[in-house]
Amino acid sequence: MNINFLMSIVLIPFTAAFQSEYPYLKTPWLLYCLSVMLTGFMQMRLQQYLRNPTNKVTAPHAAHYPDLDLWRPLIPVSVFVLSVLLIVAFDLPWISRFSLLLVWPLMWRYNRRYQRLTREYNA
């Protein structure tokens, strides 16, 4: 599972370089988005595996550790899904690139959840 996750991370620089070589084409941007989405989904799968007490990877009390919250990798993935939908469904490639600016306010909003989960975990 770790090797697959690392392979998805290794793929990102190649798709990013391909996208930067051909910035006006849709396909390189879609490949870049798909590689980032794959990495996000792999991270979610890895966190689910770590959280599962039957796998005996982490201590039972660590299953609720805030860094293992599944919402954390889901936010960037959802923004990249939006970017792909803007290209595929609505044919808006330039707006899809600017949709990534949504990651910042969504992660800022998530930070409040993370702080709350941290307080609950430490209590």
C-alpha atoms as a PDB file:
ATOM      1  CA  MET A   1       0.000   0.000   0.000  1.00  0.00           C
ATOM      2  CA  ASN A   2       2.850   2.385   0.826  1.00  0.00           C
ATOM      3  CA  ILE A   3       4.589   1.637  -2.462  1.00  0.00           C
ATOM      4  CA  ASN A   4       1.426   2.432  -4.435  1.00  0.00           C
ATOM      5  CA  PHE A   5       1.015   5.678  -2.513  1.00  0.00           C
ATOM      6  CA  LEU A   6       4.627   6.630  -3.201  1.00  0.00           C
ATOM      7  CA  MET A   7       4.238   5.743  -6.884  1.00  0.00           C
ATOM      8  CA  SER A   8       1.303   8.130  -7.126  1.00  0.00           C
ATOM      9  CA  ILE A   9       3.429  10.871  -5.535  1.00  0.00           C
ATOM     10  CA  VAL A  10       6.273  10.197  -7.975  1.00  0.00           C
ATOM     11  CA  LEU A  11       3.835  10.593 -10.873  1.00  0.00           C
ATOM     12  CA  ILE A  12       2.914  14.181  -9.935  1.00  0.00           C
ATOM     13  CA  PRO A  13       6.130  15.954 -11.091  1.00  0.00           C
ATOM     14  CA  PHE A  14       5.914  14.281 -14.512  1.00  0.00           C
ATOM     15  CA  THR A  15       2.313  15.279 -15.063  1.00  0.00           C
ATOM     16  CA  ALA A  16       3.075  18.785 -13.752  1.00  0.00           C
ATOM     17  CA  ALA A  17       5.976  19.120 -16.199  1.00  0.00           C
ATOM     18  CA  PHE A  18       3.775  17.845 -19.029  1.00  0.00           C
ATOM     19  CA  GLN A  19       1.121  20.393 -18.082  1.00  0.00           C
ATOM     20  CA  SER A  20       3.655  23.234 -17.955  1.00  0.00           C
ATOM     21  CA  GLU A  21       4.993  22.301 -21.420  1.00  0.00           C
ATOM     22  CA  TYR A  22       1.511  22.469 -22.945  1.00  0.00           C
ATOM     23  CA  PRO A  23      -0.428  24.974 -20.829  1.00  0.00           C
ATOM     24  CA  TYR A  24      -3.109  25.652 -23.445  1.00  0.00           C
ATOM     25  CA  LEU A  25      -4.187  22.044 -23.885  1.00  0.00           C
ATOM     26  CA  LYS A  26      -6.814  20.273 -21.807  1.00  0.00           C
ATOM     27  CA  THR A  27      -5.302  16.783 -21.732  1.00  0.00           C
ATOM     28  CA  PRO A  28      -2.128  17.668 -19.777  1.00  0.00           C
ATOM     29  CA  TRP A  29      -4.211  19.527 -17.195  1.00  0.00           C
ATOM     30  CA  LEU A  30      -6.592  16.587 -16.877  1.00  0.00           C
ATOM     31  CA  LEU A  31      -3.684  14.181 -16.414  1.00  0.00           C
ATOM     32  CA  TYR A  32      -2.220  16.432 -13.735  1.00  0.00           C
ATOM     33  CA  CYS A  33      -5.574  16.655 -11.937  1.00  0.00           C
ATOM     34  CA  LEU A  34      -6.069  12.905 -12.146  1.00  0.00           C
ATOM     35  CA  SER A  35      -2.602  12.224 -10.723  1.00  0.00           C
ATOM     36  CA  VAL A  36      -3.232  14.552  -7.777  1.00  0.00           C
ATOM     37  CA  MET A  37      -6.660  13.000  -7.240  1.00  0.00           C
ATOM     38  CA  LEU A  38      -5.118   9.518  -7.308  1.00  0.00           C
ATOM     39  CA  THR A  39      -2.626  10.577  -4.643  1.00  0.00           C
ATOM     40  CA  GLY A  40      -5.415  12.017  -2.505  1.00  0.00           C
ATOM     41  CA  PHE A  41      -7.484   8.857  -2.792  1.00  0.00           C
ATOM     42  CA  MET A  42      -4.445   6.737  -1.976  1.00  0.00           C
ATOM     43  CA  GLN A  43      -3.798   8.882   1.100  1.00  0.00           C
ATOM     44  CA  MET A  44      -7.404   8.413   2.198  1.00  0.00           C
ATOM     45  CA  ARG A  45      -7.096   4.656   1.726  1.00  0.00           C
ATOM     46  CA  LEU A  46      -3.873   4.587   3.715  1.00  0.00           C
ATOM     47  CA  GLN A  47      -5.461   6.593   6.526  1.00  0.00           C
ATOM     48  CA  GLN A  48      -8.457   4.261   6.573  1.00  0.00           C
ATOM     49  CA  TYR A  49      -6.092   1.336   6.882  1.00  0.00           C
ATOM     50  CA  LEU A  50      -4.240   3.008   9.748  1.00  0.00           C
ATOM     51  CA  ARG A  51      -7.468   3.871  11.555  1.00  0.00           C
ATOM     52  CA  ASN A  52      -8.894   0.360  11.326  1.00  0.00           C
ATOM     53  CA  PRO A  53      -8.281  -1.377  14.686  1.00  0.00           C
ATOM     54  CA  THR A  54      -8.406  -4.854  13.125  1.00  0.00           C
ATOM     55  CA  ASN A  55      -5.180  -4.113  11.213  1.00  0.00           C
ATOM     56  CA  LYS A  56      -3.358  -3.489  14.510  1.00  0.00           C
ATOM     57  CA  VAL A  57      -1.101  -0.843  13.001  1.00  0.00           C
ATOM     58  CA  THR A  58      -1.858   1.891  15.512  1.00  0.00           C
ATOM     59  CA  ALA A  59      -2.979   1.823  19.109  1.00  0.00           C
ATOM     60  CA  PRO A  60      -6.774   1.832  19.542  1.00  0.00           C
ATOM     61  CA  HIS A  61      -6.796   5.329  21.044  1.00  0.00           C
ATOM     62  CA  ALA A  62      -4.775   6.672  18.071  1.00  0.00           C
ATOM     63  CA  ALA A  63      -7.564   5.830  15.619  1.00  0.00           C
ATOM     64  CA  HIS A  64      -9.100   9.205  16.393  1.00  0.00           C
ATOM     65  CA  TYR A  65      -5.857  11.144  16.040  1.00  0.00           C
ATOM     66  CA  PRO A  66      -6.630  14.411  14.170  1.00  0.00           C
ATOM     67  CA  ASP A  67      -3.991  13.834  11.493  1.00  0.00           C
ATOM     68  CA  LEU A  68      -5.877  10.708  10.437  1.00  0.00           C
ATOM     69  CA  ASP A  69      -9.080  12.658   9.755  1.00  0.00           C
ATOM     70  CA  LEU A  70     -10.367  11.653   6.321  1.00  0.00           C
ATOM     71  CA  TRP A  71     -11.607  15.154   5.557  1.00  0.00           C
ATOM     72  CA  ARG A  72      -8.055  16.435   5.344  1.00  0.00           C
ATOM     73  CA  PRO A  73      -7.107  14.728   2.032  1.00  0.00           C
ATOM     74  CA  LEU A  74     -10.675  14.973   0.770  1.00  0.00           C
ATOM     75  CA  ILE A  75     -10.597  18.776   0.475  1.00  0.00           C
ATOM     76  CA  PRO A  76      -7.887  19.066  -2.204  1.00  0.00           C
ATOM     77  CA  VAL A  77      -9.292  16.028  -4.001  1.00  0.00           C
ATOM     78  CA  SER A  78     -12.745  17.625  -4.156  1.00  0.00           C
ATOM     79  CA  VAL A  79     -11.285  20.829  -5.603  1.00  0.00           C
ATOM     80  CA  PHE A  80      -9.458  18.847  -8.281  1.00  0.00           C
ATOM     81  CA  VAL A  81     -12.681  16.946  -9.026  1.00  0.00           C
ATOM     82  CA  LEU A  82     -14.362  20.328  -9.503  1.00  0.00           C
ATOM     83  CA  SER A  83     -11.555  21.345 -11.845  1.00  0.00           C
ATOM     84  CA  VAL A  84     -12.004  18.210 -13.926  1.00  0.00           C
ATOM     85  CA  LEU A  85     -15.776  18.711 -14.038  1.00  0.00           C
ATOM     86  CA  LEU A  86     -15.341  22.286 -15.235  1.00  0.00           C
ATOM     87  CA  ILE A  87     -13.311  20.990 -18.181  1.00  0.00           C
ATOM     88  CA  VAL A  88     -15.249  17.855 -19.043  1.00  0.00           C
ATOM     89  CA  ALA A  89     -18.825  18.949 -18.404  1.00  0.00           C
ATOM     90  CA  PHE A  90     -18.710  22.683 -19.076  1.00  0.00           C
ATOM     91  CA  ASP A  91     -15.627  23.130 -21.302  1.00  0.00           C
ATOM     92  CA  LEU A  92     -14.167  25.883 -19.099  1.00  0.00           C
ATOM     93  CA  PRO A  93     -10.439  25.059 -19.001  1.00  0.00           C
ATOM     94  CA  TRP A  94      -9.190  28.429 -17.713  1.00  0.00           C
ATOM     95  CA  ILE A  95     -11.766  28.687 -14.974  1.00  0.00           C
ATOM     96  CA  SER A  96     -10.909  25.134 -13.953  1.00  0.00           C
ATOM     97  CA  ARG A  97      -7.302  26.186 -13.347  1.00  0.00           C
ATOM     98  CA  PHE A  98      -8.420  29.039 -11.123  1.00  0.00           C
ATOM     99  CA  SER A  99     -10.714  26.718  -9.162  1.00  0.00           C
ATOM    100  CA  LEU A 100      -7.617  25.487  -7.348  1.00  0.00           C
ATOM    101  CA  LEU A 101      -7.645  28.784  -5.477  1.00  0.00           C
ATOM    102  CA  LEU A 102     -10.525  27.282  -3.491  1.00  0.00           C
ATOM    103  CA  VAL A 103      -8.095  25.000  -1.664  1.00  0.00           C
ATOM    104  CA  TRP A 104      -6.846  27.844   0.526  1.00  0.00           C
ATOM    105  CA  PRO A 105     -10.199  28.981   2.008  1.00  0.00           C
ATOM    106  CA  LEU A 106     -11.413  25.392   2.354  1.00  0.00           C
ATOM    107  CA  MET A 107      -8.269  24.347   4.209  1.00  0.00           C
ATOM    108  CA  TRP A 108      -8.531  27.470   6.361  1.00  0.00           C
ATOM    109  CA  ARG A 109     -12.060  26.375   7.218  1.00  0.00           C
ATOM    110  CA  TYR A 110     -10.858  22.831   7.846  1.00  0.00           C
ATOM    111  CA  ASN A 111      -8.235  24.164  10.258  1.00  0.00           C
ATOM    112  CA  ARG A 112     -11.042  25.029  12.669  1.00  0.00           C
ATOM    113  CA  ARG A 113     -12.202  21.400  12.547  1.00  0.00           C
ATOM    114  CA  TYR A 114      -8.621  20.210  13.013  1.00  0.00           C
ATOM    115  CA  GLN A 115      -8.156  22.398  16.086  1.00  0.00           C
ATOM    116  CA  ARG A 116     -11.417  21.106  17.555  1.00  0.00           C
ATOM    117  CA  LEU A 117     -10.397  17.493  16.895  1.00  0.00           C
ATOM    118  CA  THR A 118      -7.019  18.161  18.484  1.00  0.00           C
ATOM    119  CA  ARG A 119      -8.646  19.586  21.609  1.00  0.00           C
ATOM    120  CA  GLU A 120     -10.995  16.606  21.845  1.00  0.00           C
ATOM    121  CA  TYR A 121      -8.155  14.137  21.328  1.00  0.00           C
ATOM    122  CA  ASN A 122      -5.951  15.755  23.977  1.00  0.00           C
ATOM    123  CA  ALA A 123      -8.778  16.043  26.511  1.00  0.00           C
END
